[in-house]
N, C-alpha and C. Protein backbone atom coordinates (compact mmCIF):
# COMPACT_ATOMS: atom_id res chain seq x y z
N MET A 1 0.85 -1.19 0.00
CA MET A 1 0.00 0.00 0.00
C MET A 1 0.89 1.24 0.00
N TYR A 2 0.54 2.19 -0.85
CA TYR A 2 1.27 3.45 -0.96
C TYR A 2 0.42 4.58 -0.38
N ASN A 3 1.08 5.57 0.21
CA ASN A 3 0.39 6.69 0.83
C ASN A 3 0.45 7.95 -0.03
N ILE A 4 -0.69 8.61 -0.14
CA ILE A 4 -0.80 9.92 -0.79
C ILE A 4 -1.20 10.91 0.30
N LEU A 5 -0.37 11.93 0.51
CA LEU A 5 -0.68 12.96 1.50
C LEU A 5 -1.18 14.21 0.79
N PHE A 6 -2.42 14.59 1.08
CA PHE A 6 -2.95 15.89 0.66
C PHE A 6 -2.66 16.85 1.81
N PHE A 7 -1.85 17.86 1.55
CA PHE A 7 -1.38 18.78 2.58
C PHE A 7 -1.85 20.18 2.24
N GLY A 8 -2.79 20.71 3.03
CA GLY A 8 -3.33 22.01 2.68
C GLY A 8 -4.12 22.66 3.80
N ASP A 9 -5.03 23.52 3.38
CA ASP A 9 -5.83 24.31 4.32
C ASP A 9 -7.27 23.80 4.34
N SER A 10 -8.23 24.69 4.56
CA SER A 10 -9.64 24.30 4.65
C SER A 10 -10.15 23.66 3.36
N LEU A 11 -9.57 24.04 2.23
CA LEU A 11 -9.99 23.48 0.95
C LEU A 11 -9.56 22.02 0.80
N THR A 12 -8.58 21.60 1.58
CA THR A 12 -8.21 20.20 1.66
C THR A 12 -8.98 19.52 2.78
N ALA A 13 -9.07 20.19 3.92
CA ALA A 13 -9.72 19.61 5.10
C ALA A 13 -11.20 19.30 4.86
N GLY A 14 -11.84 20.11 4.01
CA GLY A 14 -13.27 19.94 3.76
C GLY A 14 -14.12 20.75 4.71
N TYR A 15 -13.64 21.94 5.03
CA TYR A 15 -14.34 22.85 5.94
C TYR A 15 -15.81 23.02 5.55
N GLY A 16 -16.70 22.88 6.53
CA GLY A 16 -18.11 23.16 6.34
C GLY A 16 -18.93 22.03 5.74
N LEU A 17 -18.29 20.96 5.33
CA LEU A 17 -19.04 19.84 4.78
C LEU A 17 -19.73 19.06 5.89
N LYS A 18 -20.83 18.41 5.58
CA LYS A 18 -21.53 17.60 6.59
C LYS A 18 -20.65 16.45 7.04
N ASP A 19 -19.89 15.85 6.10
CA ASP A 19 -19.02 14.73 6.43
C ASP A 19 -17.74 14.81 5.60
N ALA A 20 -16.75 15.52 6.11
CA ALA A 20 -15.49 15.69 5.39
C ALA A 20 -14.80 14.35 5.13
N LYS A 21 -15.07 13.35 5.97
CA LYS A 21 -14.44 12.03 5.79
C LYS A 21 -14.91 11.34 4.50
N THR A 22 -16.04 11.78 3.96
CA THR A 22 -16.54 11.19 2.72
C THR A 22 -16.73 12.21 1.59
N GLU A 23 -16.75 13.52 1.92
CA GLU A 23 -17.08 14.53 0.91
C GLU A 23 -15.92 15.44 0.51
N SER A 24 -14.82 15.45 1.26
CA SER A 24 -13.68 16.32 0.94
C SER A 24 -12.96 15.81 -0.31
N LEU A 25 -12.10 16.63 -0.86
CA LEU A 25 -11.35 16.20 -2.04
C LEU A 25 -10.52 14.95 -1.76
N PRO A 26 -9.76 14.88 -0.66
CA PRO A 26 -9.01 13.64 -0.42
C PRO A 26 -9.92 12.41 -0.34
N ALA A 27 -11.10 12.54 0.26
CA ALA A 27 -12.03 11.42 0.35
C ALA A 27 -12.54 11.01 -1.03
N LEU A 28 -12.85 11.99 -1.87
CA LEU A 28 -13.34 11.69 -3.21
C LEU A 28 -12.25 11.05 -4.07
N VAL A 29 -11.02 11.49 -3.89
CA VAL A 29 -9.90 10.85 -4.61
C VAL A 29 -9.74 9.40 -4.14
N GLN A 30 -9.88 9.18 -2.83
CA GLN A 30 -9.80 7.80 -2.32
C GLN A 30 -10.89 6.94 -2.95
N GLN A 31 -12.08 7.49 -3.12
CA GLN A 31 -13.17 6.73 -3.75
C GLN A 31 -12.82 6.36 -5.19
N LYS A 32 -12.17 7.28 -5.91
CA LYS A 32 -11.77 6.99 -7.28
C LYS A 32 -10.68 5.91 -7.31
N ILE A 33 -9.76 5.99 -6.37
CA ILE A 33 -8.70 4.98 -6.25
C ILE A 33 -9.30 3.61 -5.95
N ASP A 34 -10.22 3.57 -5.01
CA ASP A 34 -10.87 2.31 -4.64
C ASP A 34 -11.65 1.72 -5.81
N ALA A 35 -12.32 2.57 -6.58
CA ALA A 35 -13.09 2.10 -7.74
C ALA A 35 -12.19 1.42 -8.77
N GLU A 36 -10.94 1.89 -8.85
CA GLU A 36 -9.99 1.29 -9.79
C GLU A 36 -9.12 0.21 -9.14
N LYS A 37 -9.40 -0.05 -7.85
CA LYS A 37 -8.66 -1.07 -7.09
C LYS A 37 -7.15 -0.85 -7.13
N LEU A 38 -6.76 0.42 -6.93
CA LEU A 38 -5.34 0.79 -6.91
C LEU A 38 -4.82 0.72 -5.47
N PRO A 39 -3.55 0.40 -5.28
CA PRO A 39 -3.01 0.19 -3.92
C PRO A 39 -2.53 1.48 -3.24
N TYR A 40 -3.44 2.45 -3.12
CA TYR A 40 -3.09 3.73 -2.51
C TYR A 40 -4.04 4.08 -1.38
N HIS A 41 -3.48 4.69 -0.35
CA HIS A 41 -4.25 5.18 0.78
C HIS A 41 -4.07 6.69 0.86
N VAL A 42 -5.17 7.43 0.85
CA VAL A 42 -5.14 8.89 0.88
C VAL A 42 -5.22 9.37 2.33
N ILE A 43 -4.35 10.30 2.66
CA ILE A 43 -4.31 10.91 3.99
C ILE A 43 -4.68 12.38 3.84
N ASN A 44 -5.64 12.84 4.63
CA ASN A 44 -6.07 14.23 4.59
C ASN A 44 -5.29 15.01 5.64
N GLY A 45 -4.31 15.78 5.19
CA GLY A 45 -3.51 16.63 6.06
C GLY A 45 -3.92 18.09 5.94
N GLY A 46 -5.21 18.33 5.80
CA GLY A 46 -5.72 19.69 5.69
C GLY A 46 -6.01 20.28 7.06
N LEU A 47 -5.75 21.58 7.20
CA LEU A 47 -6.04 22.31 8.44
C LEU A 47 -6.66 23.66 8.07
N SER A 48 -7.90 23.85 8.46
CA SER A 48 -8.59 25.10 8.14
C SER A 48 -7.83 26.30 8.66
N GLY A 49 -7.72 27.31 7.80
CA GLY A 49 -7.04 28.55 8.17
C GLY A 49 -5.54 28.52 8.02
N ASP A 50 -4.98 27.41 7.60
CA ASP A 50 -3.52 27.30 7.56
C ASP A 50 -2.91 28.19 6.49
N THR A 51 -1.72 28.66 6.79
CA THR A 51 -0.92 29.47 5.87
C THR A 51 0.29 28.66 5.43
N SER A 52 1.07 29.21 4.52
CA SER A 52 2.29 28.52 4.09
C SER A 52 3.27 28.38 5.26
N ALA A 53 3.35 29.39 6.11
CA ALA A 53 4.23 29.31 7.29
C ALA A 53 3.73 28.26 8.27
N GLY A 54 2.42 28.20 8.47
CA GLY A 54 1.84 27.19 9.34
C GLY A 54 2.09 25.80 8.81
N GLY A 55 1.95 25.64 7.50
CA GLY A 55 2.21 24.35 6.87
C GLY A 55 3.66 23.91 7.07
N LEU A 56 4.57 24.85 6.92
CA LEU A 56 5.98 24.54 7.13
C LEU A 56 6.21 24.08 8.57
N PHE A 57 5.54 24.71 9.51
CA PHE A 57 5.68 24.38 10.93
C PHE A 57 5.13 22.98 11.24
N ARG A 58 4.02 22.59 10.61
CA ARG A 58 3.40 21.31 10.96
C ARG A 58 3.75 20.15 10.03
N LEU A 59 4.60 20.40 9.05
CA LEU A 59 4.94 19.39 8.06
C LEU A 59 5.53 18.12 8.66
N ASP A 60 6.43 18.25 9.62
CA ASP A 60 7.11 17.07 10.17
C ASP A 60 6.12 16.05 10.74
N TYR A 61 5.06 16.51 11.35
CA TYR A 61 4.05 15.59 11.89
C TYR A 61 3.50 14.70 10.77
N TRP A 62 3.19 15.29 9.63
CA TRP A 62 2.55 14.56 8.54
C TRP A 62 3.51 13.70 7.74
N THR A 63 4.78 14.01 7.81
CA THR A 63 5.77 13.21 7.06
C THR A 63 6.48 12.23 7.98
N ASN A 64 5.86 11.92 9.09
CA ASN A 64 6.41 10.97 10.04
C ASN A 64 5.98 9.54 9.71
N ARG A 65 5.55 9.31 8.50
CA ARG A 65 5.15 8.01 7.98
C ARG A 65 5.57 7.98 6.52
N PRO A 66 5.66 6.84 5.90
CA PRO A 66 6.06 6.81 4.48
C PRO A 66 5.03 7.53 3.60
N ILE A 67 5.50 8.41 2.76
CA ILE A 67 4.65 9.13 1.81
C ILE A 67 5.22 8.89 0.41
N HIS A 68 4.36 8.52 -0.51
CA HIS A 68 4.81 8.22 -1.88
C HIS A 68 4.41 9.31 -2.87
N ILE A 69 3.28 9.98 -2.58
CA ILE A 69 2.83 11.11 -3.40
C ILE A 69 2.44 12.22 -2.44
N PHE A 70 2.93 13.42 -2.72
CA PHE A 70 2.66 14.59 -1.88
C PHE A 70 1.90 15.61 -2.72
N VAL A 71 0.69 15.96 -2.29
CA VAL A 71 -0.15 16.93 -2.99
C VAL A 71 -0.23 18.18 -2.12
N LEU A 72 0.30 19.28 -2.62
CA LEU A 72 0.39 20.53 -1.86
C LEU A 72 -0.69 21.51 -2.29
N GLU A 73 -1.42 22.04 -1.30
CA GLU A 73 -2.48 23.03 -1.55
C GLU A 73 -2.44 24.03 -0.40
N LEU A 74 -1.64 25.05 -0.54
CA LEU A 74 -1.56 26.12 0.46
C LEU A 74 -1.31 27.45 -0.26
N GLY A 75 -1.67 28.55 0.40
CA GLY A 75 -1.33 29.86 -0.13
C GLY A 75 -2.45 30.88 -0.11
N ILE A 76 -3.69 30.42 -0.25
CA ILE A 76 -4.78 31.40 -0.34
C ILE A 76 -4.96 32.16 0.98
N ASN A 77 -4.74 31.50 2.10
CA ASN A 77 -4.87 32.21 3.39
C ASN A 77 -3.76 33.23 3.58
N ASP A 78 -2.62 33.01 2.95
CA ASP A 78 -1.54 33.99 2.99
C ASP A 78 -2.01 35.31 2.37
N ILE A 79 -2.60 35.20 1.19
CA ILE A 79 -3.00 36.41 0.48
C ILE A 79 -4.13 37.12 1.22
N ILE A 80 -5.04 36.34 1.82
CA ILE A 80 -6.13 36.94 2.60
C ILE A 80 -5.57 37.72 3.78
N ARG A 81 -4.45 37.26 4.32
CA ARG A 81 -3.82 37.92 5.47
C ARG A 81 -2.80 38.99 5.05
N GLY A 82 -2.66 39.22 3.76
CA GLY A 82 -1.76 40.26 3.29
C GLY A 82 -0.29 39.87 3.25
N ILE A 83 -0.01 38.58 3.31
CA ILE A 83 1.38 38.09 3.22
C ILE A 83 1.82 38.19 1.76
N SER A 84 3.03 38.66 1.54
CA SER A 84 3.48 38.88 0.16
C SER A 84 3.64 37.55 -0.58
N PRO A 85 3.36 37.57 -1.90
CA PRO A 85 3.56 36.37 -2.70
C PRO A 85 5.01 35.84 -2.63
N LYS A 86 5.98 36.73 -2.46
CA LYS A 86 7.38 36.29 -2.34
C LYS A 86 7.57 35.42 -1.09
N THR A 87 6.94 35.81 0.01
CA THR A 87 7.04 35.04 1.25
C THR A 87 6.31 33.70 1.09
N THR A 88 5.15 33.74 0.47
CA THR A 88 4.40 32.50 0.23
C THR A 88 5.24 31.56 -0.63
N TYR A 89 5.83 32.08 -1.69
CA TYR A 89 6.67 31.26 -2.57
C TYR A 89 7.81 30.62 -1.76
N LYS A 90 8.49 31.43 -0.97
CA LYS A 90 9.62 30.93 -0.18
C LYS A 90 9.18 29.80 0.76
N ASN A 91 8.06 29.99 1.46
CA ASN A 91 7.58 28.97 2.39
C ASN A 91 7.17 27.69 1.67
N LEU A 92 6.47 27.84 0.54
CA LEU A 92 6.06 26.65 -0.22
C LEU A 92 7.28 25.91 -0.75
N GLN A 93 8.29 26.64 -1.21
CA GLN A 93 9.51 25.99 -1.69
C GLN A 93 10.21 25.25 -0.54
N LEU A 94 10.22 25.84 0.64
CA LEU A 94 10.82 25.17 1.81
C LEU A 94 10.07 23.88 2.15
N ILE A 95 8.74 23.90 2.04
CA ILE A 95 7.95 22.69 2.27
C ILE A 95 8.35 21.62 1.26
N ILE A 96 8.40 22.00 -0.01
CA ILE A 96 8.77 21.05 -1.07
C ILE A 96 10.18 20.51 -0.83
N ASN A 97 11.11 21.39 -0.47
CA ASN A 97 12.49 20.95 -0.21
C ASN A 97 12.54 19.92 0.91
N LYS A 98 11.82 20.18 2.00
CA LYS A 98 11.81 19.24 3.14
C LYS A 98 11.24 17.88 2.74
N VAL A 99 10.18 17.90 1.95
CA VAL A 99 9.55 16.65 1.51
C VAL A 99 10.51 15.88 0.61
N LYS A 100 11.14 16.57 -0.33
CA LYS A 100 12.07 15.90 -1.25
C LYS A 100 13.30 15.38 -0.52
N LEU A 101 13.75 16.09 0.49
CA LEU A 101 14.91 15.64 1.27
C LEU A 101 14.57 14.36 2.03
N LYS A 102 13.40 14.31 2.62
CA LYS A 102 13.00 13.14 3.40
C LYS A 102 12.64 11.96 2.51
N PHE A 103 12.01 12.23 1.37
CA PHE A 103 11.56 11.18 0.45
C PHE A 103 12.08 11.49 -0.96
N PRO A 104 13.34 11.14 -1.26
CA PRO A 104 13.94 11.53 -2.54
C PRO A 104 13.19 11.03 -3.78
N ASP A 105 12.46 9.94 -3.67
CA ASP A 105 11.76 9.38 -4.83
C ASP A 105 10.28 9.75 -4.89
N ILE A 106 9.87 10.68 -4.06
CA ILE A 106 8.45 11.05 -3.98
C ILE A 106 7.98 11.71 -5.26
N LYS A 107 6.70 11.50 -5.57
CA LYS A 107 6.05 12.20 -6.68
C LYS A 107 5.29 13.37 -6.07
N LEU A 108 5.32 14.51 -6.77
CA LEU A 108 4.76 15.74 -6.23
C LEU A 108 3.67 16.31 -7.13
N ALA A 109 2.65 16.87 -6.49
CA ALA A 109 1.60 17.57 -7.23
C ALA A 109 1.30 18.88 -6.51
N LEU A 110 0.94 19.90 -7.28
CA LEU A 110 0.63 21.21 -6.73
C LEU A 110 -0.75 21.64 -7.23
N LEU A 111 -1.59 22.06 -6.28
CA LEU A 111 -2.92 22.58 -6.62
C LEU A 111 -2.84 24.09 -6.52
N GLY A 112 -2.83 24.75 -7.67
CA GLY A 112 -2.65 26.20 -7.73
C GLY A 112 -3.91 26.96 -7.35
N MET A 113 -3.70 28.20 -6.96
CA MET A 113 -4.80 29.07 -6.56
C MET A 113 -4.73 30.39 -7.32
N GLU A 114 -5.86 31.05 -7.35
CA GLU A 114 -5.94 32.40 -7.91
C GLU A 114 -6.59 33.30 -6.88
N ILE A 115 -6.35 34.58 -7.00
CA ILE A 115 -6.91 35.55 -6.07
C ILE A 115 -8.42 35.66 -6.29
N PRO A 116 -9.22 35.53 -5.23
CA PRO A 116 -10.65 35.78 -5.41
C PRO A 116 -10.89 37.22 -5.85
N PRO A 117 -11.92 37.45 -6.66
CA PRO A 117 -12.14 38.78 -7.21
C PRO A 117 -12.41 39.87 -6.17
N PHE A 118 -12.83 39.50 -4.96
CA PHE A 118 -13.14 40.52 -3.96
C PHE A 118 -11.89 41.03 -3.23
N ILE A 119 -10.74 40.45 -3.51
CA ILE A 119 -9.50 40.90 -2.86
C ILE A 119 -8.73 41.77 -3.84
N PRO A 120 -8.70 43.08 -3.59
CA PRO A 120 -7.98 43.98 -4.50
C PRO A 120 -6.48 43.94 -4.20
N GLY A 121 -5.71 44.43 -5.12
CA GLY A 121 -4.28 44.53 -4.86
C GLY A 121 -3.47 44.35 -6.12
N PRO A 122 -2.28 44.90 -6.11
CA PRO A 122 -1.43 44.87 -7.30
C PRO A 122 -0.73 43.54 -7.53
N PHE A 123 -0.80 42.62 -6.56
CA PHE A 123 -0.01 41.42 -6.75
C PHE A 123 -0.81 40.18 -7.13
N ALA A 124 -2.00 40.35 -7.70
CA ALA A 124 -2.81 39.19 -8.11
C ALA A 124 -2.05 38.33 -9.12
N ALA A 125 -1.47 38.96 -10.13
CA ALA A 125 -0.71 38.20 -11.14
C ALA A 125 0.52 37.56 -10.53
N GLU A 126 1.19 38.28 -9.63
CA GLU A 126 2.37 37.72 -8.97
C GLU A 126 1.99 36.49 -8.14
N PHE A 127 0.88 36.58 -7.44
CA PHE A 127 0.42 35.45 -6.63
C PHE A 127 0.13 34.24 -7.52
N ARG A 128 -0.61 34.44 -8.61
CA ARG A 128 -0.94 33.35 -9.52
C ARG A 128 0.34 32.72 -10.09
N ALA A 129 1.32 33.54 -10.40
CA ALA A 129 2.56 33.06 -11.04
C ALA A 129 3.41 32.19 -10.13
N ILE A 130 3.31 32.37 -8.82
CA ILE A 130 4.18 31.57 -7.93
C ILE A 130 3.88 30.08 -8.06
N PHE A 131 2.64 29.73 -8.34
CA PHE A 131 2.29 28.32 -8.43
C PHE A 131 2.88 27.67 -9.69
N ARG A 132 2.79 28.37 -10.82
CA ARG A 132 3.39 27.83 -12.05
C ARG A 132 4.91 27.69 -11.89
N LYS A 133 5.54 28.69 -11.28
CA LYS A 133 6.99 28.65 -11.08
C LYS A 133 7.38 27.48 -10.17
N LEU A 134 6.66 27.30 -9.07
CA LEU A 134 6.94 26.18 -8.17
C LEU A 134 6.78 24.84 -8.89
N ALA A 135 5.70 24.70 -9.65
CA ALA A 135 5.46 23.45 -10.37
C ALA A 135 6.57 23.19 -11.39
N ASP A 136 6.93 24.21 -12.14
CA ASP A 136 7.98 24.04 -13.15
C ASP A 136 9.33 23.76 -12.52
N ASP A 137 9.70 24.55 -11.52
CA ASP A 137 11.02 24.41 -10.89
C ASP A 137 11.20 23.07 -10.18
N ASN A 138 10.09 22.46 -9.75
CA ASN A 138 10.17 21.22 -8.98
C ASN A 138 9.60 20.01 -9.71
N GLN A 139 9.35 20.16 -11.00
CA GLN A 139 8.79 19.08 -11.82
C GLN A 139 7.58 18.43 -11.14
N MET A 140 6.64 19.28 -10.76
CA MET A 140 5.43 18.81 -10.07
C MET A 140 4.27 18.69 -11.05
N ALA A 141 3.45 17.67 -10.88
CA ALA A 141 2.17 17.64 -11.58
C ALA A 141 1.41 18.88 -11.11
N PHE A 142 0.63 19.49 -11.99
CA PHE A 142 0.09 20.81 -11.66
C PHE A 142 -1.35 20.97 -12.12
N VAL A 143 -2.18 21.43 -11.18
CA VAL A 143 -3.54 21.88 -11.48
C VAL A 143 -3.49 23.40 -11.30
N PRO A 144 -3.57 24.18 -12.39
CA PRO A 144 -3.37 25.63 -12.30
C PRO A 144 -4.33 26.36 -11.35
N PHE A 145 -5.62 25.96 -11.36
CA PHE A 145 -6.58 26.61 -10.47
C PHE A 145 -7.47 25.54 -9.86
N TYR A 146 -7.18 25.26 -8.60
CA TYR A 146 -7.86 24.21 -7.84
C TYR A 146 -9.38 24.37 -7.83
N LEU A 147 -9.87 25.59 -7.83
CA LEU A 147 -11.30 25.86 -7.74
C LEU A 147 -11.95 26.12 -9.10
N ALA A 148 -11.29 25.74 -10.18
CA ALA A 148 -11.82 25.97 -11.53
C ALA A 148 -13.20 25.32 -11.65
N GLY A 149 -14.15 26.10 -12.19
CA GLY A 149 -15.50 25.61 -12.39
C GLY A 149 -16.37 25.67 -11.15
N VAL A 150 -15.77 26.07 -10.01
CA VAL A 150 -16.50 26.10 -8.73
C VAL A 150 -16.51 27.51 -8.13
N ALA A 151 -15.38 28.19 -8.21
CA ALA A 151 -15.25 29.53 -7.60
C ALA A 151 -16.31 30.47 -8.16
N GLY A 152 -16.97 31.19 -7.26
CA GLY A 152 -17.95 32.20 -7.65
C GLY A 152 -19.32 31.66 -8.02
N LYS A 153 -19.52 30.36 -7.97
CA LYS A 153 -20.82 29.77 -8.33
C LYS A 153 -21.56 29.40 -7.05
N ALA A 154 -22.60 30.16 -6.75
CA ALA A 154 -23.31 30.01 -5.48
C ALA A 154 -23.78 28.58 -5.23
N HIS A 155 -24.29 27.91 -6.25
CA HIS A 155 -24.84 26.57 -6.05
C HIS A 155 -23.75 25.52 -5.79
N LEU A 156 -22.48 25.89 -5.95
CA LEU A 156 -21.38 24.95 -5.72
C LEU A 156 -20.54 25.32 -4.50
N ASN A 157 -21.01 26.31 -3.75
CA ASN A 157 -20.27 26.79 -2.59
C ASN A 157 -21.18 26.88 -1.37
N LEU A 158 -20.53 26.91 -0.22
CA LEU A 158 -21.25 27.16 1.03
C LEU A 158 -21.70 28.63 1.02
N PRO A 159 -22.57 29.02 1.93
CA PRO A 159 -23.04 30.42 1.95
C PRO A 159 -21.93 31.46 2.04
N ASP A 160 -20.74 31.09 2.57
CA ASP A 160 -19.64 32.06 2.66
C ASP A 160 -19.02 32.36 1.30
N MET A 161 -19.36 31.59 0.29
CA MET A 161 -18.84 31.74 -1.08
C MET A 161 -17.31 31.60 -1.16
N LEU A 162 -16.70 31.06 -0.12
CA LEU A 162 -15.26 30.80 -0.11
C LEU A 162 -14.96 29.31 -0.14
N HIS A 163 -15.86 28.53 0.41
CA HIS A 163 -15.61 27.09 0.56
C HIS A 163 -16.62 26.30 -0.27
N PRO A 164 -16.14 25.31 -1.01
CA PRO A 164 -17.03 24.52 -1.86
C PRO A 164 -18.02 23.69 -1.05
N SER A 165 -19.16 23.43 -1.66
CA SER A 165 -20.13 22.49 -1.13
C SER A 165 -19.70 21.08 -1.56
N ALA A 166 -20.43 20.09 -1.12
CA ALA A 166 -20.14 18.71 -1.53
C ALA A 166 -20.20 18.60 -3.06
N ASP A 167 -21.17 19.26 -3.69
CA ASP A 167 -21.26 19.24 -5.16
C ASP A 167 -20.04 19.90 -5.80
N GLY A 168 -19.59 20.99 -5.19
CA GLY A 168 -18.39 21.66 -5.69
C GLY A 168 -17.16 20.76 -5.62
N TYR A 169 -17.04 20.03 -4.54
CA TYR A 169 -15.89 19.12 -4.40
C TYR A 169 -15.90 18.02 -5.45
N HIS A 170 -17.08 17.58 -5.88
CA HIS A 170 -17.13 16.57 -6.94
C HIS A 170 -16.53 17.11 -8.24
N ILE A 171 -16.83 18.37 -8.55
CA ILE A 171 -16.25 18.99 -9.75
C ILE A 171 -14.73 19.12 -9.59
N MET A 172 -14.30 19.56 -8.41
CA MET A 172 -12.86 19.70 -8.16
C MET A 172 -12.15 18.35 -8.28
N ALA A 173 -12.76 17.30 -7.73
CA ALA A 173 -12.16 15.97 -7.80
C ALA A 173 -12.04 15.52 -9.26
N ASP A 174 -13.07 15.81 -10.05
CA ASP A 174 -13.01 15.45 -11.47
C ASP A 174 -11.92 16.23 -12.20
N ASN A 175 -11.63 17.45 -11.76
CA ASN A 175 -10.55 18.24 -12.36
C ASN A 175 -9.17 17.76 -11.92
N VAL A 176 -9.05 17.38 -10.67
CA VAL A 176 -7.75 16.98 -10.10
C VAL A 176 -7.38 15.55 -10.48
N TRP A 177 -8.35 14.66 -10.55
CA TRP A 177 -8.09 13.25 -10.76
C TRP A 177 -7.23 12.95 -11.99
N PRO A 178 -7.50 13.50 -13.17
CA PRO A 178 -6.66 13.16 -14.33
C PRO A 178 -5.19 13.52 -14.12
N VAL A 179 -4.92 14.61 -13.42
CA VAL A 179 -3.54 15.03 -13.16
C VAL A 179 -2.90 14.07 -12.15
N LEU A 180 -3.63 13.77 -11.09
CA LEU A 180 -3.12 12.88 -10.06
C LEU A 180 -3.00 11.45 -10.56
N ARG A 181 -3.94 11.01 -11.36
CA ARG A 181 -3.96 9.62 -11.86
C ARG A 181 -2.66 9.28 -12.59
N LYS A 182 -2.08 10.26 -13.27
CA LYS A 182 -0.82 10.03 -14.01
C LYS A 182 0.34 9.69 -13.07
N LEU A 183 0.24 10.09 -11.81
CA LEU A 183 1.31 9.82 -10.85
C LEU A 183 1.21 8.43 -10.22
N LEU A 184 0.05 7.79 -10.34
CA LEU A 184 -0.17 6.50 -9.69
C LEU A 184 0.42 5.35 -10.48
């Protein structure tokens, strides 16, 4: 059995879902894996509200077991808190470096984010670009916008319009699965 660690924030944890153990993205990916009878176990390392710095701080706990595929989803809470994209990039690269150092043969995937339209600021393009650069520099499988097809659609989000509903997560899983499936 091989382990896949999804490491992220509320969008990984499944914040606001009735049953994150069955409705979150990691859970839906596990269902797809099980349907194909593949020898992988998905671990949900999501923490609501987490930042790239917080992820760096808690990484050792999650990598204290064998990990074969590492899926990184962090950064949007940084921008909400006004942390510069340069700092977010540095922290995410440090996370990737630590994972690669501990597991030299690990396969990596990155779930990219974009700035929500209600957050103004001159660094929206800079923020979006850090994900492509990280993916390219580290030869990571890449989903450019994790919330593609879901962001801004009321019927696919919780009332806060920040977190996907169970239906939204199904669309996200369908977007992520083809990229992740190539790593299995």
